[in-house]
Amino acid sequence: MDSYTIVPARAKDLPHLAAIELAAARLLDGYAPASVLNETTSQGDLQQAVRDGRLWVVLFDDGPVGFAHVERLDIGAAHLEEIDVHPSHARRGLGTRLVEHVCRWAAAVGFTAVTLTTFRDVPWNMPFYERLGFRVVGPREMTPALRARVDDEARRGLDPSTRVVMKRFCDVLATTGMGMSEIELVPVDPTPDDVQFLEDRIYEFNSRATGIVDGQWLAFFVREGDRIVAGICGNTWGGTCELRQFWVDESRRRRGLGTRLLRAAEREAQRRGCSQIVLMTFSFQAPALYARHGFEVVASLDDHPSGHRNLLMRKQLAQAGSA
């Protein structure tokens, strides 16, 4: 085992991975159609995974004999897209080492879970992952991205009844090795990635607490060339659309553009089954515009900011298709 090492994939490793994929796929003869067994990951996808730090190889005498490829499908989760070990190096624990390596990496960079799809009845697929702490994702837990992945597999010829989606939660704190007394708290200017990290963790917690996993971005932008001149952005989750950002360039105002964006967001929220839209606006922003479009103030916070008010507004939506 000491002769095997797991390292981030290098450019020179990539041309050898297709042969590993094809050799490993032969073990699934009878479980998957030939068209799927003959598939290999494109060099472009592998190169992008290397750039993103989402591809690892098992090296033997400085040559790859196995690899793990990760994608990001969902907020808060890393998706183990593929893991293969060449059959000539099988039964040496390399698959287990690759999976554990991916899970440790996922926890270290802030993911709360690792997901994957695999064969339900193949002994070295679902039972293997169960032994490593993965559990089957039930229908109520399936996110739109995971459903889309299963649908894509079906289009490629894989029988959905033979497939299963699995998840393993990460123990993030266990990877830090830091006691609470050692943490020094200092104010910082967060990067967009820092903020997104917190958003992802909160969404993951909320979804686990409620069982509601249908969160999606909702956004429309108006561009002139490569410049954004107007946009509206928020999300839908659990039957509610929350608008967080709404902006029109000053030179494009009073032309009905804001109205068109609001109406587009409302239509899309209705299409997704939302019963209401909520937003927060300051008294010096656009409460009058929202009121004209049917929003009502449901809460008001004085002196936020000083001398002004922060308003929570809501609009009830008719269900799509209703009179």
Protein backbone atom coordinates (compact mmCIF):
# COMPACT_ATOMS: atom_id res chain seq x y z
CA MET A 1 0.00 0.00 0.00
CA ASP A 2 2.91 2.39 0.61
CA SER A 3 3.55 2.41 -3.15
CA TYR A 4 0.18 4.09 -3.76
CA THR A 5 -0.37 7.80 -3.23
CA ILE A 6 -3.37 10.08 -3.80
CA VAL A 7 -2.54 13.50 -5.21
CA PRO A 8 -4.35 16.25 -7.11
CA ALA A 9 -4.43 15.28 -10.77
CA ARG A 10 -1.73 16.71 -13.00
CA ALA A 11 -2.04 17.66 -16.64
CA LYS A 12 0.13 14.70 -17.65
CA ASP A 13 -2.27 12.29 -15.89
CA LEU A 14 -5.34 13.23 -17.91
CA PRO A 15 -4.66 11.26 -21.13
CA HIS A 16 -4.48 8.04 -19.06
CA LEU A 17 -7.83 8.36 -17.30
CA ALA A 18 -10.03 7.22 -20.20
CA ALA A 19 -8.34 3.81 -20.19
CA ILE A 20 -9.04 3.49 -16.47
CA GLU A 21 -12.71 4.44 -17.03
CA LEU A 22 -13.16 1.88 -19.81
CA ALA A 23 -11.41 -0.90 -17.90
CA ALA A 24 -13.45 -0.28 -14.75
CA ALA A 25 -16.67 -0.07 -16.80
CA ARG A 26 -16.20 -3.64 -18.03
CA LEU A 27 -17.02 -4.81 -14.51
CA LEU A 28 -20.53 -3.38 -14.99
CA ASP A 29 -21.27 -5.42 -18.11
CA GLY A 30 -24.86 -6.59 -17.76
CA TYR A 31 -25.81 -3.75 -15.44
CA ALA A 32 -25.51 -0.88 -17.90
CA PRO A 33 -25.94 -0.57 -21.69
CA ALA A 34 -22.87 -0.70 -23.89
CA SER A 35 -23.35 2.95 -24.85
CA VAL A 36 -22.83 3.96 -21.23
CA LEU A 37 -19.98 1.51 -20.66
CA ASN A 38 -18.10 3.05 -23.57
CA GLU A 39 -18.46 6.63 -22.31
CA THR A 40 -15.43 8.54 -21.08
CA THR A 41 -15.12 11.96 -19.51
CA SER A 42 -14.05 14.61 -21.99
CA GLN A 43 -10.56 16.05 -21.71
CA GLY A 44 -12.13 19.49 -21.45
CA ASP A 45 -14.14 18.50 -18.38
CA LEU A 46 -11.08 16.90 -16.81
CA GLN A 47 -8.95 19.97 -17.48
CA GLN A 48 -11.58 22.18 -15.86
CA ALA A 49 -11.71 19.85 -12.85
CA VAL A 50 -7.94 20.14 -12.48
CA ARG A 51 -8.15 23.93 -12.59
CA ASP A 52 -10.90 23.87 -9.95
CA GLY A 53 -9.12 21.36 -7.71
CA ARG A 54 -11.87 18.73 -8.11
CA LEU A 55 -9.88 15.80 -9.51
CA TRP A 56 -7.53 13.40 -7.72
CA VAL A 57 -5.54 10.41 -8.92
CA VAL A 58 -4.07 7.34 -7.29
CA LEU A 59 -0.47 7.03 -8.41
CA PHE A 60 1.54 3.84 -8.71
CA ASP A 61 5.12 4.32 -9.93
CA ASP A 62 4.11 7.89 -10.82
CA GLY A 63 1.33 6.70 -13.14
CA PRO A 64 -2.42 6.97 -12.44
CA VAL A 65 -4.28 3.73 -11.67
CA GLY A 66 -7.44 5.30 -10.28
CA PHE A 67 -9.17 8.66 -9.89
CA ALA A 68 -12.02 10.54 -8.25
CA HIS A 69 -13.87 13.37 -10.00
CA VAL A 70 -16.10 15.78 -8.04
CA GLU A 71 -18.67 18.28 -9.28
CA ARG A 72 -20.78 20.87 -7.51
CA LEU A 73 -24.48 20.30 -8.18
CA ASP A 74 -26.13 21.62 -5.02
CA ILE A 75 -25.62 24.35 -2.49
CA GLY A 76 -23.59 22.93 0.38
CA ALA A 77 -22.80 19.56 -1.19
CA ALA A 78 -19.96 18.12 -3.26
CA HIS A 79 -21.09 15.53 -5.81
CA LEU A 80 -18.81 12.54 -6.39
CA GLU A 81 -19.37 12.31 -10.12
CA GLU A 82 -17.06 9.37 -10.76
CA ILE A 83 -14.60 7.14 -8.97
CA ASP A 84 -12.69 4.42 -10.82
CA VAL A 85 -9.82 2.09 -10.05
CA HIS A 86 -8.20 0.00 -12.75
CA PRO A 87 -9.18 -3.67 -12.20
CA SER A 88 -5.52 -4.68 -12.10
CA HIS A 89 -5.21 -2.67 -8.89
CA ALA A 90 -8.55 -3.69 -7.37
CA ARG A 91 -9.13 -5.19 -3.90
CA ARG A 92 -6.40 -3.08 -2.33
CA GLY A 93 -8.59 -0.51 -0.60
CA LEU A 94 -7.91 2.18 -3.17
CA GLY A 95 -11.60 2.94 -3.74
CA THR A 96 -12.11 3.42 -0.01
CA ARG A 97 -9.08 5.67 0.21
CA LEU A 98 -10.34 7.80 -2.67
CA VAL A 99 -13.80 8.19 -1.14
CA GLU A 100 -12.39 9.12 2.26
CA HIS A 101 -9.99 11.57 0.61
CA VAL A 102 -12.90 13.29 -1.15
CA CYS A 103 -14.96 13.43 2.06
CA ARG A 104 -12.08 14.96 4.03
CA TRP A 105 -11.51 17.52 1.27
CA ALA A 106 -15.24 18.37 1.15
CA ALA A 107 -15.34 18.98 4.91
CA ALA A 108 -12.13 21.00 4.87
CA VAL A 109 -13.39 23.41 2.19
CA GLY A 110 -16.76 23.85 3.88
CA PHE A 111 -19.17 21.42 2.24
CA THR A 112 -21.58 19.74 4.64
CA ALA A 113 -22.23 16.64 2.54
CA VAL A 114 -21.03 14.48 -0.34
CA THR A 115 -23.60 13.05 -2.76
CA LEU A 116 -23.39 10.46 -5.52
CA THR A 117 -25.47 8.21 -7.75
CA THR A 118 -24.71 4.51 -8.07
CA PHE A 119 -26.20 1.10 -8.85
CA ARG A 120 -28.61 -0.21 -6.25
CA ASP A 121 -27.98 -3.92 -6.76
CA VAL A 122 -24.31 -4.08 -7.70
CA PRO A 123 -22.44 -5.52 -4.66
CA TRP A 124 -19.46 -3.20 -5.00
CA ASN A 125 -21.64 -0.10 -5.51
CA MET A 126 -24.45 0.73 -3.06
CA PRO A 127 -23.33 -1.70 -0.28
CA PHE A 128 -19.78 -0.38 -0.59
CA TYR A 129 -20.89 3.20 -0.04
CA GLU A 130 -23.20 2.18 2.81
CA ARG A 131 -20.21 0.73 4.64
CA LEU A 132 -18.51 4.11 4.25
CA GLY A 133 -21.38 6.01 5.87
CA PHE A 134 -23.48 6.97 2.84
CA ARG A 135 -27.25 6.72 3.16
CA VAL A 136 -29.97 6.60 0.51
CA VAL A 137 -31.56 9.95 -0.32
CA GLY A 138 -35.34 9.56 -0.22
CA PRO A 139 -37.75 11.21 -2.68
CA ARG A 140 -38.54 14.08 -0.27
CA GLU A 141 -34.86 14.88 0.10
CA MET A 142 -34.11 14.94 -3.60
CA THR A 143 -33.04 18.38 -4.77
CA PRO A 144 -33.85 19.61 -8.29
CA ALA A 145 -30.18 19.22 -9.23
CA LEU A 146 -30.07 15.59 -8.10
CA ARG A 147 -33.34 14.83 -9.89
CA ALA A 148 -31.89 16.39 -13.03
CA ARG A 149 -28.82 14.16 -12.70
CA VAL A 150 -30.98 11.03 -12.43
CA ASP A 151 -33.05 12.19 -15.42
CA ASP A 152 -29.87 12.73 -17.42
CA GLU A 153 -28.73 9.20 -16.59
CA ALA A 154 -32.07 7.89 -17.83
CA ARG A 155 -31.70 9.76 -21.11
CA ARG A 156 -28.29 8.14 -21.52
CA GLY A 157 -29.86 4.69 -21.14
CA LEU A 158 -29.57 3.85 -17.41
CA ASP A 159 -32.72 2.35 -15.89
CA PRO A 160 -33.78 4.68 -13.01
CA SER A 161 -35.12 1.71 -11.05
CA THR A 162 -31.57 0.32 -10.82
CA ARG A 163 -30.06 3.59 -9.64
CA VAL A 164 -29.92 5.20 -6.21
CA VAL A 165 -28.87 8.61 -4.90
CA MET A 166 -26.77 8.58 -1.73
CA LYS A 167 -25.41 11.18 0.69
CA ARG A 168 -22.84 11.30 3.47
CA PHE A 169 -22.73 14.28 5.81
CA CYS A 170 -19.36 15.82 6.62
CA ASP A 171 -18.08 16.42 10.14
CA VAL A 172 -16.67 19.88 9.45
CA LEU A 173 -15.50 20.67 12.98
CA ALA A 174 -13.61 17.40 13.29
CA THR A 175 -11.29 18.46 10.48
CA THR A 176 -10.12 21.68 12.07
CA GLY A 177 -8.21 20.33 15.06
CA MET A 178 -8.83 23.69 16.77
CA GLY A 179 -10.17 24.08 20.28
CA MET A 180 -12.69 26.84 20.92
CA SER A 181 -10.25 28.65 23.22
CA GLU A 182 -7.75 28.90 20.35
CA ILE A 183 -10.06 30.81 18.02
CA GLU A 184 -9.25 34.50 17.66
CA LEU A 185 -12.21 36.58 16.48
CA VAL A 186 -11.31 39.68 14.49
CA PRO A 187 -13.45 41.72 12.08
CA VAL A 188 -12.74 41.14 8.39
CA ASP A 189 -13.97 42.29 5.00
CA PRO A 190 -15.58 39.11 3.63
CA THR A 191 -15.06 38.00 0.06
CA PRO A 192 -18.08 37.02 -2.06
CA ASP A 193 -16.99 33.39 -1.58
CA ASP A 194 -17.04 33.87 2.21
CA VAL A 195 -20.58 35.20 2.09
CA GLN A 196 -21.70 32.41 -0.24
CA PHE A 197 -20.19 29.87 2.14
CA LEU A 198 -22.41 31.12 4.96
CA GLU A 199 -25.45 31.20 2.65
CA ASP A 200 -24.79 27.59 1.69
CA ARG A 201 -24.48 26.44 5.30
CA ILE A 202 -27.68 28.22 6.35
CA TYR A 203 -29.59 26.73 3.42
CA GLU A 204 -28.30 23.27 4.29
CA PHE A 205 -29.41 23.65 7.90
CA ASN A 206 -32.81 25.05 6.95
CA SER A 207 -33.41 22.23 4.49
CA ARG A 208 -32.49 19.56 7.01
CA ALA A 209 -34.65 21.17 9.71
CA THR A 210 -37.74 21.52 7.52
CA GLY A 211 -37.35 18.77 4.95
CA ILE A 212 -37.94 21.42 2.26
CA VAL A 213 -35.24 21.16 -0.38
CA ASP A 214 -36.69 23.02 -3.37
CA GLY A 215 -34.59 26.17 -3.03
CA GLN A 216 -33.67 27.83 -6.31
CA TRP A 217 -32.26 31.16 -7.41
CA LEU A 218 -34.67 33.48 -9.21
CA ALA A 219 -33.05 36.24 -11.25
CA PHE A 220 -33.50 38.34 -14.36
CA PHE A 221 -30.91 40.72 -15.79
CA VAL A 222 -30.97 43.29 -18.56
CA ARG A 223 -27.62 43.73 -20.29
CA GLU A 224 -26.27 46.12 -22.84
CA GLY A 225 -23.20 44.44 -24.23
CA ASP A 226 -21.31 43.12 -21.23
CA ARG A 227 -22.82 45.71 -18.85
CA ILE A 228 -25.78 45.05 -16.54
CA VAL A 229 -28.21 47.97 -16.62
CA ALA A 230 -31.01 46.41 -14.55
CA GLY A 231 -31.68 43.29 -12.58
CA ILE A 232 -33.79 41.56 -9.97
CA CYS A 233 -32.50 38.68 -7.87
CA GLY A 234 -33.75 36.47 -5.07
CA ASN A 235 -34.83 32.92 -4.46
CA THR A 236 -37.80 30.63 -4.11
CA TRP A 237 -38.09 28.14 -1.27
CA GLY A 238 -41.01 26.42 0.39
CA GLY A 239 -43.73 28.28 -1.49
CA THR A 240 -42.30 31.78 -0.96
CA CYS A 241 -40.35 34.01 -3.31
CA GLU A 242 -37.93 36.34 -1.53
CA LEU A 243 -36.56 39.24 -3.55
CA ARG A 244 -33.23 40.48 -2.23
CA GLN A 245 -31.83 42.78 -4.90
CA PHE A 246 -33.65 45.01 -7.38
CA TRP A 247 -31.86 47.73 -9.30
CA VAL A 248 -32.27 49.80 -12.46
CA ASP A 249 -29.53 52.07 -13.73
CA GLU A 250 -30.52 55.71 -13.26
CA SER A 251 -30.30 56.38 -16.99
CA ARG A 252 -32.82 53.57 -17.66
CA ARG A 253 -35.43 54.50 -15.04
CA ARG A 254 -38.97 55.74 -15.70
CA ARG A 255 -39.20 53.61 -18.83
CA GLY A 256 -41.20 50.73 -17.35
CA LEU A 257 -38.14 48.50 -16.99
CA GLY A 258 -38.63 48.02 -13.24
CA THR A 259 -42.25 47.04 -13.79
CA ARG A 260 -41.26 44.47 -16.41
CA LEU A 261 -38.68 42.94 -14.05
CA LEU A 262 -41.16 42.75 -11.16
CA ARG A 263 -43.78 41.13 -13.36
CA ALA A 264 -41.27 38.63 -14.73
CA ALA A 265 -40.27 37.65 -11.20
CA GLU A 266 -43.92 37.32 -10.19
CA ARG A 267 -44.75 35.09 -13.15
CA GLU A 268 -41.78 32.83 -12.48
CA ALA A 269 -42.64 32.63 -8.77
CA GLN A 270 -46.20 31.61 -9.67
CA ARG A 271 -44.92 29.03 -12.12
CA ARG A 272 -42.87 27.51 -9.29
CA GLY A 273 -45.97 27.31 -7.10
CA CYS A 274 -45.21 30.22 -4.74
CA SER A 275 -48.12 31.74 -2.84
CA GLN A 276 -46.37 34.98 -1.89
CA ILE A 277 -43.48 37.33 -2.62
CA VAL A 278 -41.66 39.07 0.23
CA LEU A 279 -38.99 41.75 0.19
CA MET A 280 -37.41 44.41 2.38
CA THR A 281 -37.00 48.00 1.24
CA PHE A 282 -35.96 51.23 2.90
CA SER A 283 -38.38 54.14 3.11
CA PHE A 284 -36.12 56.16 0.76
CA GLN A 285 -36.01 53.40 -1.86
CA ALA A 286 -39.08 52.15 -3.73
CA PRO A 287 -41.96 51.33 -1.35
CA ALA A 288 -44.33 53.37 -3.52
CA LEU A 289 -43.40 51.32 -6.59
CA TYR A 290 -44.01 48.08 -4.74
CA ALA A 291 -47.33 49.38 -3.38
CA ARG A 292 -48.49 50.12 -6.94
CA HIS A 293 -47.79 46.51 -7.77
CA GLY A 294 -49.85 45.12 -4.91
CA PHE A 295 -47.30 44.85 -2.10
CA GLU A 296 -48.37 45.71 1.43
CA VAL A 297 -46.26 46.68 4.44
CA VAL A 298 -46.43 43.92 7.06
CA ALA A 299 -43.69 45.20 9.39
CA SER A 300 -41.67 48.39 9.87
CA LEU A 301 -38.44 49.04 11.76
CA ASP A 302 -37.74 52.66 12.68
CA ASP A 303 -34.27 54.23 12.59
CA HIS A 304 -32.83 51.60 10.27
CA PRO A 305 -30.84 53.43 9.08
CA SER A 306 -30.99 56.43 11.40
CA GLY A 307 -33.83 58.74 10.45
CA HIS A 308 -35.41 56.23 8.05
CA ARG A 309 -37.45 53.04 8.13
CA ASN A 310 -36.86 49.50 6.94
CA LEU A 311 -40.07 47.97 5.57
CA LEU A 312 -41.02 44.33 5.16
CA MET A 313 -43.50 44.08 2.29
CA ARG A 314 -45.50 41.17 0.95
CA LYS A 315 -47.70 40.37 -2.03
CA GLN A 316 -50.05 37.40 -2.08
CA LEU A 317 -49.96 35.52 -5.38
CA ALA A 318 -52.80 33.80 -7.13
CA GLN A 319 -51.96 30.22 -7.94
CA ALA A 320 -50.96 29.59 -11.53
CA GLY A 321 -53.98 28.67 -13.61
CA SER A 322 -56.53 30.08 -11.14
CA ALA A 323 -59.17 32.56 -12.23
